[in-house]
Amino acid sequence: MQINKVHSVRTLALVAEDLGEDADWLADIAVDMEPEDGLIRVYDPEHPDGTMAFSQFGIESLCNLIEIHRSTTK
């Protein structure tokens, strides 16, 4: 997948809601993700420090990280 052809993103809060996960927990897992992994930062007046947002590829990458995290914390 070509990352430079992203036409939409979903915020961390929306992804957390969709996955039924805690947004803070997901942020901790996603902290080391890079733009190549499908993570971008979105800045606006309500989020001057930025908020995480994910392309479809980023959501898939995050789901993989969730599985890895859960398998190593058992």
N, C-alpha and C. Protein backbone atom coordinates (compact mmCIF):
# COMPACT_ATOMS: atom_id res chain seq x y z
N MET A 1 0.85 -1.18 0.00
CA MET A 1 0.00 0.00 0.00
C MET A 1 0.89 1.24 0.00
N GLN A 2 0.53 2.21 -0.81
CA GLN A 2 1.27 3.46 -0.84
C GLN A 2 0.71 4.41 0.20
N ILE A 3 1.55 4.81 1.14
CA ILE A 3 1.12 5.66 2.23
C ILE A 3 0.76 7.06 1.74
N ASN A 4 1.40 7.54 0.68
CA ASN A 4 1.16 8.91 0.23
C ASN A 4 -0.18 9.09 -0.48
N LYS A 5 -1.01 8.08 -0.52
CA LYS A 5 -2.31 8.20 -1.16
C LYS A 5 -3.45 8.07 -0.16
N VAL A 6 -3.21 8.49 1.06
CA VAL A 6 -4.22 8.45 2.10
C VAL A 6 -5.26 9.53 1.82
N HIS A 7 -6.51 9.16 1.80
CA HIS A 7 -7.57 10.15 1.54
C HIS A 7 -8.41 10.46 2.77
N SER A 8 -8.23 9.66 3.84
CA SER A 8 -8.94 9.96 5.07
C SER A 8 -8.20 9.30 6.23
N VAL A 9 -8.45 9.83 7.41
CA VAL A 9 -7.88 9.27 8.63
C VAL A 9 -8.96 9.23 9.69
N ARG A 10 -8.72 8.42 10.71
CA ARG A 10 -9.63 8.32 11.85
C ARG A 10 -8.82 8.66 13.09
N THR A 11 -9.39 9.47 13.96
CA THR A 11 -8.69 9.87 15.17
C THR A 11 -8.57 8.70 16.13
N LEU A 12 -7.65 8.84 17.05
CA LEU A 12 -7.44 7.82 18.08
C LEU A 12 -8.74 7.54 18.84
N ALA A 13 -9.46 8.59 19.20
CA ALA A 13 -10.71 8.43 19.95
C ALA A 13 -11.72 7.60 19.15
N LEU A 14 -11.82 7.85 17.87
CA LEU A 14 -12.77 7.11 17.03
C LEU A 14 -12.33 5.67 16.86
N VAL A 15 -11.05 5.44 16.65
CA VAL A 15 -10.54 4.07 16.52
C VAL A 15 -10.76 3.31 17.82
N ALA A 16 -10.48 3.94 18.94
CA ALA A 16 -10.70 3.29 20.24
C ALA A 16 -12.17 2.89 20.41
N GLU A 17 -13.05 3.80 20.04
CA GLU A 17 -14.49 3.50 20.14
C GLU A 17 -14.86 2.34 19.23
N ASP A 18 -14.37 2.36 17.99
CA ASP A 18 -14.68 1.30 17.03
C ASP A 18 -14.16 -0.06 17.49
N LEU A 19 -12.98 -0.06 18.13
CA LEU A 19 -12.37 -1.31 18.56
C LEU A 19 -12.81 -1.73 19.96
N GLY A 20 -13.54 -0.86 20.65
CA GLY A 20 -13.97 -1.16 22.01
C GLY A 20 -12.81 -1.18 23.00
N GLU A 21 -11.83 -0.32 22.76
CA GLU A 21 -10.64 -0.25 23.60
C GLU A 21 -10.54 1.13 24.25
N ASP A 22 -9.71 1.21 25.29
CA ASP A 22 -9.46 2.46 25.98
C ASP A 22 -8.49 3.30 25.15
N ALA A 23 -8.83 4.55 24.90
CA ALA A 23 -8.00 5.42 24.06
C ALA A 23 -6.62 5.65 24.66
N ASP A 24 -6.53 5.81 25.97
CA ASP A 24 -5.22 6.02 26.60
C ASP A 24 -4.33 4.79 26.44
N TRP A 25 -4.92 3.61 26.57
CA TRP A 25 -4.17 2.37 26.39
C TRP A 25 -3.67 2.26 24.95
N LEU A 26 -4.53 2.57 23.99
CA LEU A 26 -4.11 2.53 22.59
C LEU A 26 -3.01 3.54 22.31
N ALA A 27 -3.10 4.72 22.90
CA ALA A 27 -2.05 5.74 22.72
C ALA A 27 -0.72 5.22 23.23
N ASP A 28 -0.73 4.52 24.36
CA ASP A 28 0.51 3.94 24.89
C ASP A 28 1.10 2.91 23.93
N ILE A 29 0.24 2.13 23.31
CA ILE A 29 0.71 1.11 22.37
C ILE A 29 1.21 1.76 21.07
N ALA A 30 0.55 2.81 20.63
CA ALA A 30 0.86 3.44 19.34
C ALA A 30 1.99 4.46 19.41
N VAL A 31 2.51 4.75 20.59
CA VAL A 31 3.46 5.84 20.76
C VAL A 31 4.70 5.70 19.87
N ASP A 32 5.12 4.49 19.56
CA ASP A 32 6.32 4.29 18.74
C ASP A 32 6.01 4.12 17.25
N MET A 33 4.74 4.23 16.87
CA MET A 33 4.40 4.13 15.46
C MET A 33 4.90 5.37 14.72
N GLU A 34 5.19 5.20 13.45
CA GLU A 34 5.71 6.26 12.58
C GLU A 34 4.73 6.50 11.43
N PRO A 35 4.92 7.58 10.68
CA PRO A 35 4.06 7.80 9.52
C PRO A 35 4.07 6.62 8.53
N GLU A 36 5.20 5.93 8.44
CA GLU A 36 5.28 4.75 7.56
C GLU A 36 4.36 3.63 8.02
N ASP A 37 3.98 3.68 9.30
CA ASP A 37 3.07 2.69 9.87
C ASP A 37 1.61 3.11 9.74
N GLY A 38 1.37 4.29 9.19
CA GLY A 38 0.01 4.77 9.01
C GLY A 38 -0.48 5.69 10.11
N LEU A 39 0.43 6.22 10.93
CA LEU A 39 0.07 7.15 11.99
C LEU A 39 0.45 8.56 11.57
N ILE A 40 -0.45 9.50 11.77
CA ILE A 40 -0.12 10.91 11.56
C ILE A 40 -0.62 11.69 12.76
N ARG A 41 -0.15 12.89 12.89
CA ARG A 41 -0.62 13.80 13.94
C ARG A 41 -1.51 14.85 13.30
N VAL A 42 -2.61 15.14 13.96
CA VAL A 42 -3.55 16.16 13.48
C VAL A 42 -3.57 17.28 14.53
N TYR A 43 -3.39 18.50 14.07
CA TYR A 43 -3.37 19.66 14.95
C TYR A 43 -4.55 20.55 14.63
N ASP A 44 -5.18 21.06 15.68
CA ASP A 44 -6.25 22.04 15.52
C ASP A 44 -6.34 22.84 16.82
N PRO A 45 -7.20 23.85 16.87
CA PRO A 45 -7.26 24.68 18.08
C PRO A 45 -7.58 23.89 19.35
N GLU A 46 -8.35 22.83 19.24
CA GLU A 46 -8.67 22.02 20.41
C GLU A 46 -7.54 21.07 20.79
N HIS A 47 -6.64 20.80 19.86
CA HIS A 47 -5.52 19.88 20.09
C HIS A 47 -4.22 20.52 19.60
N PRO A 48 -3.77 21.60 20.25
CA PRO A 48 -2.57 22.30 19.77
C PRO A 48 -1.31 21.44 19.83
N ASP A 49 -1.30 20.41 20.68
CA ASP A 49 -0.15 19.50 20.75
C ASP A 49 -0.33 18.31 19.81
N GLY A 50 -1.46 18.27 19.14
CA GLY A 50 -1.74 17.21 18.18
C GLY A 50 -2.48 16.03 18.80
N THR A 51 -3.18 15.33 17.97
CA THR A 51 -3.83 14.09 18.36
C THR A 51 -3.47 13.04 17.33
N MET A 52 -3.40 11.80 17.75
CA MET A 52 -3.07 10.71 16.82
C MET A 52 -4.25 10.45 15.89
N ALA A 53 -3.91 10.14 14.65
CA ALA A 53 -4.90 9.73 13.68
C ALA A 53 -4.28 8.64 12.82
N PHE A 54 -5.12 7.77 12.30
CA PHE A 54 -4.64 6.58 11.60
C PHE A 54 -5.30 6.45 10.23
N SER A 55 -4.49 6.12 9.24
CA SER A 55 -5.03 5.70 7.95
C SER A 55 -5.58 4.29 8.13
N GLN A 56 -6.20 3.74 7.09
CA GLN A 56 -6.68 2.36 7.18
C GLN A 56 -5.51 1.42 7.46
N PHE A 57 -4.39 1.66 6.80
CA PHE A 57 -3.19 0.86 7.04
C PHE A 57 -2.73 1.02 8.49
N GLY A 58 -2.84 2.23 9.02
CA GLY A 58 -2.45 2.49 10.40
C GLY A 58 -3.32 1.73 11.40
N ILE A 59 -4.61 1.64 11.11
CA ILE A 59 -5.51 0.88 11.98
C ILE A 59 -5.12 -0.60 11.97
N GLU A 60 -4.79 -1.12 10.79
CA GLU A 60 -4.34 -2.50 10.69
C GLU A 60 -3.04 -2.70 11.47
N SER A 61 -2.11 -1.75 11.35
CA SER A 61 -0.85 -1.82 12.09
C SER A 61 -1.10 -1.78 13.59
N LEU A 62 -2.00 -0.91 14.01
CA LEU A 62 -2.35 -0.81 15.42
C LEU A 62 -2.96 -2.12 15.93
N CYS A 63 -3.84 -2.71 15.15
CA CYS A 63 -4.45 -3.99 15.54
C CYS A 63 -3.37 -5.07 15.70
N ASN A 64 -2.37 -5.06 14.83
CA ASN A 64 -1.26 -6.01 14.96
C ASN A 64 -0.50 -5.76 16.26
N LEU A 65 -0.26 -4.49 16.59
CA LEU A 65 0.42 -4.16 17.84
C LEU A 65 -0.39 -4.59 19.06
N ILE A 66 -1.71 -4.46 18.97
CA ILE A 66 -2.58 -4.90 20.07
C ILE A 66 -2.41 -6.40 20.29
N GLU A 67 -2.43 -7.17 19.19
CA GLU A 67 -2.25 -8.62 19.31
C GLU A 67 -0.90 -8.96 19.90
N ILE A 68 0.15 -8.29 19.45
CA ILE A 68 1.49 -8.54 19.97
C ILE A 68 1.54 -8.20 21.46
N HIS A 69 0.98 -7.06 21.82
CA HIS A 69 0.99 -6.64 23.22
C HIS A 69 0.24 -7.65 24.09
N ARG A 70 -0.89 -8.08 23.65
CA ARG A 70 -1.67 -9.04 24.45
C ARG A 70 -0.99 -10.39 24.55
N SER A 71 -0.31 -10.81 23.50
CA SER A 71 0.35 -12.12 23.55
C SER A 71 1.61 -12.09 24.43
N THR A 72 2.21 -10.92 24.61
CA THR A 72 3.42 -10.84 25.43
C THR A 72 3.13 -10.48 26.87
N THR A 73 1.89 -10.10 27.18
CA THR A 73 1.55 -9.72 28.56
C THR A 73 0.71 -10.77 29.27
N LYS A 74 0.60 -11.94 28.69
CA LYS A 74 -0.19 -13.01 29.33
C LYS A 74 0.57 -13.65 30.44
